[in-house]
C-alpha atoms as a PDB file:
ATOM      1  CA  MET A   1       7.489   1.036  26.139  1.00  0.00           C
ATOM      2  CA  SER A   2      10.412  -0.535  24.742  1.00  0.00           C
ATOM      3  CA  LEU A   3      10.177  -0.410  20.591  1.00  0.00           C
ATOM      4  CA  TYR A   4      13.214  -2.036  18.086  1.00  0.00           C
ATOM      5  CA  ILE A   5      13.173  -2.290  14.618  1.00  0.00           C
ATOM      6  CA  ARG A   6      15.031  -5.194  12.829  1.00  0.00           C
ATOM      7  CA  ASN A   7      14.916  -7.228   9.850  1.00  0.00           C
ATOM      8  CA  TYR A   8      11.668  -9.613   8.878  1.00  0.00           C
ATOM      9  CA  LYS A   9      12.813 -13.228   9.215  1.00  0.00           C
ATOM     10  CA  GLU A  10      10.420 -15.842   8.007  1.00  0.00           C
ATOM     11  CA  THR A  11       9.541 -16.844  11.494  1.00  0.00           C
ATOM     12  CA  ASP A  12       7.747 -13.894  11.776  1.00  0.00           C
ATOM     13  CA  GLU A  13       5.184 -14.763   8.888  1.00  0.00           C
ATOM     14  CA  THR A  14       2.086 -14.906  11.256  1.00  0.00           C
ATOM     15  CA  GLU A  15       2.678 -12.444  13.690  1.00  0.00           C
ATOM     16  CA  TRP A  16       3.325 -10.290  10.261  1.00  0.00           C
ATOM     17  CA  LEU A  17      -0.063 -11.222   8.938  1.00  0.00           C
ATOM     18  CA  GLN A  18      -1.761 -10.437  12.116  1.00  0.00           C
ATOM     19  CA  CYS A  19      -0.591  -7.213  12.546  1.00  0.00           C
ATOM     20  CA  ARG A  20      -1.451  -6.055   8.874  1.00  0.00           C
ATOM     21  CA  VAL A  21      -4.687  -6.914   9.014  1.00  0.00           C
ATOM     22  CA  LEU A  22      -5.614  -5.480  12.002  1.00  0.00           C
ATOM     23  CA  SER A  23      -3.801  -2.164  11.009  1.00  0.00           C
ATOM     24  CA  PHE A  24      -6.178  -2.379   7.772  1.00  0.00           C
ATOM     25  CA  LEU A  25      -9.396  -3.288   9.065  1.00  0.00           C
ATOM     26  CA  ASP A  26     -10.645   0.565   9.999  1.00  0.00           C
ATOM     27  CA  THR A  27      -8.690   1.586   6.543  1.00  0.00           C
ATOM     28  CA  ALA A  28     -10.139   1.664   2.913  1.00  0.00           C
ATOM     29  CA  TYR A  29      -8.150  -1.408   2.806  1.00  0.00           C
ATOM     30  CA  PHE A  30      -9.787  -3.623   5.081  1.00  0.00           C
ATOM     31  CA  ASP A  31     -10.563  -6.075   2.776  1.00  0.00           C
ATOM     32  CA  ASN A  32      -6.928  -6.495   1.441  1.00  0.00           C
ATOM     33  CA  VAL A  33      -6.248  -9.504   3.284  1.00  0.00           C
ATOM     34  CA  LEU A  34      -2.804 -11.718   2.953  1.00  0.00           C
ATOM     35  CA  ARG A  35      -2.752 -15.085   3.432  1.00  0.00           C
ATOM     36  CA  VAL A  36       0.673 -15.571   3.166  1.00  0.00           C
ATOM     37  CA  LYS A  37       3.070 -13.007   3.023  1.00  0.00           C
ATOM     38  CA  GLU A  38       4.784 -11.682  -0.320  1.00  0.00           C
ATOM     39  CA  LYS A  39       8.224 -12.586  -1.721  1.00  0.00           C
ATOM     40  CA  TYR A  40      10.052 -10.055  -4.071  1.00  0.00           C
ATOM     41  CA  LYS A  41      11.500 -10.175  -7.667  1.00  0.00           C
ATOM     42  CA  ASN A  42      13.761  -7.443  -6.514  1.00  0.00           C
ATOM     43  CA  SER A  43      15.900  -7.129  -3.675  1.00  0.00           C
ATOM     44  CA  ALA A  44      14.007  -5.523  -0.599  1.00  0.00           C
ATOM     45  CA  VAL A  45      14.451  -4.170   2.545  1.00  0.00           C
ATOM     46  CA  GLU A  46      11.452  -5.854   4.899  1.00  0.00           C
ATOM     47  CA  LEU A  47      11.761  -4.476   8.753  1.00  0.00           C
ATOM     48  CA  VAL A  48       9.377  -5.049  11.955  1.00  0.00           C
ATOM     49  CA  ALA A  49       8.956  -2.565  14.538  1.00  0.00           C
ATOM     50  CA  VAL A  50       8.748  -4.842  17.849  1.00  0.00           C
ATOM     51  CA  ALA A  51       7.156  -3.887  20.961  1.00  0.00           C
ATOM     52  CA  ASP A  52       7.122  -6.122  24.351  1.00  0.00           C
ATOM     53  CA  LYS A  53       7.877  -9.556  22.235  1.00  0.00           C
ATOM     54  CA  GLN A  54       5.253  -8.642  19.720  1.00  0.00           C
ATOM     55  CA  ILE A  55       5.285  -7.376  16.249  1.00  0.00           C
ATOM     56  CA  VAL A  56       3.892  -3.908  16.098  1.00  0.00           C
ATOM     57  CA  GLY A  57       4.455  -2.535  12.796  1.00  0.00           C
ATOM     58  CA  LEU A  58       6.090  -3.040   9.251  1.00  0.00           C
ATOM     59  CA  ILE A  59       7.532  -1.875   6.222  1.00  0.00           C
ATOM     60  CA  ASP A  60       8.712  -3.526   2.825  1.00  0.00           C
ATOM     61  CA  VAL A  61      10.306  -1.663   0.689  1.00  0.00           C
ATOM     62  CA  GLU A  62      10.831  -3.510  -3.198  1.00  0.00           C
ATOM     63  CA  CYS A  63      14.003  -1.904  -4.410  1.00  0.00           C
ATOM     64  CA  VAL A  64      14.304  -1.710  -8.786  1.00  0.00           C
ATOM     65  CA  SER A  65      18.140  -2.226 -10.350  1.00  0.00           C
ATOM     66  CA  GLN A  66      16.513  -0.875 -13.275  1.00  0.00           C
ATOM     67  CA  THR A  67      14.183   2.120 -14.205  1.00  0.00           C
ATOM     68  CA  GLY A  68      10.553   1.898 -14.458  1.00  0.00           C
ATOM     69  CA  ALA A  69      10.999  -2.121 -13.413  1.00  0.00           C
ATOM     70  CA  VAL A  70       8.634  -1.538  -9.933  1.00  0.00           C
ATOM     71  CA  CYS A  71       7.672   1.781  -9.485  1.00  0.00           C
ATOM     72  CA  SER A  72       5.559   4.165 -12.102  1.00  0.00           C
ATOM     73  CA  ASN A  73       8.200   7.163 -12.221  1.00  0.00           C
ATOM     74  CA  LEU A  74       9.987   5.747 -15.491  1.00  0.00           C
ATOM     75  CA  GLU A  75      12.554   9.563 -15.233  1.00  0.00           C
ATOM     76  CA  SER A  76      13.557   9.342 -11.654  1.00  0.00           C
ATOM     77  CA  GLY A  77      16.342   6.985 -11.588  1.00  0.00           C
ATOM     78  CA  PHE A  78      16.206   3.903  -8.977  1.00  0.00           C
ATOM     79  CA  GLY A  79      13.123   3.815  -6.740  1.00  0.00           C
ATOM     80  CA  GLY A  80      11.994   1.691  -4.231  1.00  0.00           C
ATOM     81  CA  ALA A  81       7.958   0.862  -4.044  1.00  0.00           C
ATOM     82  CA  ILE A  82       6.522   0.800  -0.508  1.00  0.00           C
ATOM     83  CA  TRP A  83       4.167  -2.237  -0.555  1.00  0.00           C
ATOM     84  CA  ASN A  84       3.158  -2.602   2.796  1.00  0.00           C
ATOM     85  CA  LEU A  85       3.394   0.161   5.852  1.00  0.00           C
ATOM     86  CA  ALA A  86       1.163  -0.730   8.773  1.00  0.00           C
ATOM     87  CA  VAL A  87       1.051   0.100  12.547  1.00  0.00           C
ATOM     88  CA  HIS A  88      -1.073  -2.200  14.760  1.00  0.00           C
ATOM     89  CA  PRO A  89      -4.077  -0.173  15.920  1.00  0.00           C
ATOM     90  CA  ASP A  90      -2.983  -0.468  19.571  1.00  0.00           C
ATOM     91  CA  PHE A  91       0.176   1.128  18.852  1.00  0.00           C
ATOM     92  CA  ARG A  92      -0.691   3.958  16.637  1.00  0.00           C
ATOM     93  CA  ARG A  93       0.273   7.345  17.323  1.00  0.00           C
ATOM     94  CA  LYS A  94       3.421   6.882  18.844  1.00  0.00           C
ATOM     95  CA  GLY A  95       5.732   7.218  16.239  1.00  0.00           C
ATOM     96  CA  ILE A  96       6.096   4.076  14.902  1.00  0.00           C
ATOM     97  CA  ALA A  97       5.194   4.416  11.264  1.00  0.00           C
ATOM     98  CA  THR A  98       7.441   7.317  11.035  1.00  0.00           C
ATOM     99  CA  GLN A  99      10.459   5.095  12.992  1.00  0.00           C
ATOM    100  CA  LEU A 100       9.833   2.534  10.141  1.00  0.00           C
ATOM    101  CA  LEU A 101      10.063   4.684   7.215  1.00  0.00           C
ATOM    102  CA  CYS A 102      13.072   6.299   8.507  1.00  0.00           C
ATOM    103  CA  GLU A 103      14.998   3.399   9.270  1.00  0.00           C
ATOM    104  CA  ALA A 104      13.883   1.797   5.803  1.00  0.00           C
ATOM    105  CA  GLU A 105      15.344   5.424   4.047  1.00  0.00           C
ATOM    106  CA  LYS A 106      18.557   4.814   5.977  1.00  0.00           C
ATOM    107  CA  ARG A 107      18.819   1.007   4.352  1.00  0.00           C
ATOM    108  CA  VAL A 108      17.433   1.920   0.517  1.00  0.00           C
ATOM    109  CA  ARG A 109      20.032   4.553  -0.078  1.00  0.00           C
ATOM    110  CA  LYS A 110      22.892   2.466   0.524  1.00  0.00           C
ATOM    111  CA  LEU A 111      21.181   0.221  -2.177  1.00  0.00           C
ATOM    112  CA  GLY A 112      21.276   3.349  -4.651  1.00  0.00           C
ATOM    113  CA  ILE A 113      17.436   4.017  -4.404  1.00  0.00           C
ATOM    114  CA  THR A 114      16.956   7.506  -4.929  1.00  0.00           C
ATOM    115  CA  TYR A 115      12.856   7.986  -4.468  1.00  0.00           C
ATOM    116  CA  LEU A 116      10.478   6.313  -2.873  1.00  0.00           C
ATOM    117  CA  GLU A 117       6.752   5.572  -4.009  1.00  0.00           C
ATOM    118  CA  ALA A 118       3.839   4.770  -2.216  1.00  0.00           C
ATOM    119  CA  TRP A 119       0.443   3.905  -3.478  1.00  0.00           C
ATOM    120  CA  THR A 120      -2.516   4.351  -0.834  1.00  0.00           C
ATOM    121  CA  ARG A 121      -6.603   4.872  -0.828  1.00  0.00           C
ATOM    122  CA  ASP A 122      -8.176   8.011   0.138  1.00  0.00           C
ATOM    123  CA  ASP A 123      -8.278   7.609   4.051  1.00  0.00           C
ATOM    124  CA  ASP A 124      -7.302  11.218   5.150  1.00  0.00           C
ATOM    125  CA  TRP A 125      -5.564  10.561   8.007  1.00  0.00           C
ATOM    126  CA  VAL A 126      -2.994   8.146   5.942  1.00  0.00           C
ATOM    127  CA  ASN A 127      -2.604  11.023   3.212  1.00  0.00           C
ATOM    128  CA  LYS A 128      -2.057  13.783   5.806  1.00  0.00           C
ATOM    129  CA  TRP A 129       0.667  11.237   7.014  1.00  0.00           C
ATOM    130  CA  TYR A 130       2.585  10.430   3.767  1.00  0.00           C
ATOM    131  CA  LEU A 131       2.579  14.655   2.999  1.00  0.00           C
ATOM    132  CA  LYS A 132       3.872  15.384   6.996  1.00  0.00           C
ATOM    133  CA  ASN A 133       6.625  12.957   5.755  1.00  0.00           C
ATOM    134  CA  ASN A 134       7.243  14.908   2.594  1.00  0.00           C
ATOM    135  CA  PHE A 135       5.858  12.948  -0.031  1.00  0.00           C
ATOM    136  CA  LYS A 136       4.132  14.419  -2.817  1.00  0.00           C
ATOM    137  CA  ALA A 137       1.029  13.318  -4.544  1.00  0.00           C
ATOM    138  CA  MET A 138       1.511  12.763  -8.031  1.00  0.00           C
ATOM    139  CA  ILE A 139      -1.171  10.805  -9.929  1.00  0.00           C
ATOM    140  CA  SER A 140      -4.746   9.439  -8.724  1.00  0.00           C
ATOM    141  CA  TYR A 141      -7.055   7.144 -10.356  1.00  0.00           C
ATOM    142  CA  LEU A 142     -10.401   5.248  -8.862  1.00  0.00           C
ATOM    143  CA  HIS A 143     -10.532   1.932  -7.258  1.00  0.00           C
ATOM    144  CA  VAL A 144     -14.369   0.681  -8.430  1.00  0.00           C
ATOM    145  CA  PHE A 145     -16.061  -2.107  -6.590  1.00  0.00           C
ATOM    146  CA  LEU A 146     -18.741  -3.626  -8.614  1.00  0.00           C
ATOM    147  CA  GLU A 147     -20.702  -5.514  -5.903  1.00  0.00           C
ATOM    148  CA  THR A 148     -24.595  -5.213  -6.934  1.00  0.00           C
ATOM    149  CA  SER A 149     -26.201  -6.715  -9.746  1.00  0.00           C
ATOM    150  CA  ALA A 150     -27.027  -3.363 -11.469  1.00  0.00           C
ATOM    151  CA  GLU A 151     -23.188  -2.035 -10.845  1.00  0.00           C
ATOM    152  CA  ILE A 152     -22.290  -5.702 -12.508  1.00  0.00           C
ATOM    153  CA  LYS A 153     -24.791  -5.453 -15.390  1.00  0.00           C
ATOM    154  CA  LYS A 154     -24.274  -1.643 -16.088  1.00  0.00           C
ATOM    155  CA  ALA A 155     -20.355  -2.624 -16.668  1.00  0.00           C
ATOM    156  CA  ILE A 156     -19.579  -5.986 -17.359  1.00  0.00           C
ATOM    157  CA  SER A 157     -20.801  -8.228 -19.901  1.00  0.00           C
ATOM    158  CA  THR A 158     -19.638 -11.851 -20.528  1.00  0.00           C
ATOM    159  CA  SER A 159     -19.798 -14.036 -23.758  1.00  0.00           C
ATOM    160  CA  VAL A 160     -19.253 -17.436 -21.400  1.00  0.00           C
ATOM    161  CA  GLN A 161     -22.847 -19.324 -21.315  1.00  0.00           C
ATOM    162  CA  TYR A 162     -24.097 -19.607 -17.416  1.00  0.00           C
ATOM    163  CA  LEU A 163     -21.262 -17.264 -16.495  1.00  0.00           C
ATOM    164  CA  GLN A 164     -22.526 -14.755 -14.043  1.00  0.00           C
ATOM    165  CA  PRO A 165     -20.534 -12.148 -11.915  1.00  0.00           C
ATOM    166  CA  ILE A 166     -20.836 -11.411  -8.540  1.00  0.00           C
ATOM    167  CA  GLN A 167     -18.135  -9.006  -8.057  1.00  0.00           C
ATOM    168  CA  ALA A 168     -15.690  -7.085  -9.484  1.00  0.00           C
ATOM    169  CA  PHE A 169     -12.819  -4.410  -9.064  1.00  0.00           C
ATOM    170  CA  ALA A 170     -12.033  -2.194 -11.425  1.00  0.00           C
ATOM    171  CA  HIS A 171      -9.693   0.854 -12.235  1.00  0.00           C
ATOM    172  CA  TYR A 172     -11.235   3.649 -13.869  1.00  0.00           C
ATOM    173  CA  THR A 173      -8.641   6.053 -15.294  1.00  0.00           C
ATOM    174  CA  GLY A 174     -10.513   8.310 -17.222  1.00  0.00           C
ATOM    175  CA  PRO A 175     -11.745  12.371 -16.562  1.00  0.00           C
ATOM    176  CA  GLU A 176     -15.298  11.765 -15.484  1.00  0.00           C
ATOM    177  CA  LYS A 177     -14.348  10.777 -11.934  1.00  0.00           C
ATOM    178  CA  GLU A 178     -17.159  12.489  -9.952  1.00  0.00           C
ATOM    179  CA  LYS A 179     -19.750  10.705 -12.656  1.00  0.00           C
ATOM    180  CA  VAL A 180     -18.271   7.347 -11.591  1.00  0.00           C
ATOM    181  CA  VAL A 181     -18.366   7.879  -7.897  1.00  0.00           C
ATOM    182  CA  SER A 182     -21.990   9.081  -8.423  1.00  0.00           C
ATOM    183  CA  GLU A 183     -22.898   5.762 -10.258  1.00  0.00           C
ATOM    184  CA  TYR A 184     -21.422   3.340  -7.904  1.00  0.00           C
ATOM    185  CA  ASN A 185     -21.310   2.467  -4.193  1.00  0.00           C
ATOM    186  CA  ARG A 186     -17.690   1.826  -3.091  1.00  0.00           C
ATOM    187  CA  VAL A 187     -15.539   3.842  -5.055  1.00  0.00           C
ATOM    188  CA  HIS A 188     -12.190   4.792  -3.559  1.00  0.00           C
ATOM    189  CA  GLU A 189      -9.500   7.442  -4.830  1.00  0.00           C
ATOM    190  CA  CYS A 190      -5.898   6.004  -5.052  1.00  0.00           C
ATOM    191  CA  TYR A 191      -3.299   8.055  -4.771  1.00  0.00           C
ATOM    192  CA  CYS A 192       0.184   7.616  -5.593  1.00  0.00           C
ATOM    193  CA  TYR A 193       3.236   9.271  -3.762  1.00  0.00           C
ATOM    194  CA  GLN A 194       6.664   9.849  -4.392  1.00  0.00           C
ATOM    195  CA  LYS A 195       9.294  10.759  -1.670  1.00  0.00           C
ATOM    196  CA  GLU A 196      12.803  12.155  -3.161  1.00  0.00           C
ATOM    197  CA  LEU A 197      15.725  10.809  -1.013  1.00  0.00           C
ATOM    198  CA  LEU A 198      18.286  13.842  -0.869  1.00  0.00           C
END
């Protein structure tokens, strides 16, 4: 397989979206579907991995020009937020994500970025990949999906006449994570990882 990494171009959008959707289907982010690629307020490193004239991987890192503008860590200098990192399922286990990360790191260092931040849910293999690539778990909270009428009634009330919530998505940042996990059908722990760029 001949693989190369290059800058994302606007003409890549359809292939970029397809690669991202397919890579997320068997993860806890299976329903995080984009119809258009995000545009970033700050400078960004946006790369794609290409094999056999096909986009097989991608990474987007938004870089901050002032402390705390995008990343959670307010004290670590200028950070880069990894908003998207994905590899097409037919091309996994070939080191593509690691190659994308390494190239992105080289480029963001030149922009004065001193650390990277990434958020991911509780897919064990994804979390192990971040740890293997020298990220450290910093904090976590819960993503709670309210999908049944009983779950919604327990958590949400509305004063708007005739408005009936059918589904909801919430963050739980409190100390009783186990209780929340036991009370709701779909709950994911969301982890923040950081990597210092030396």
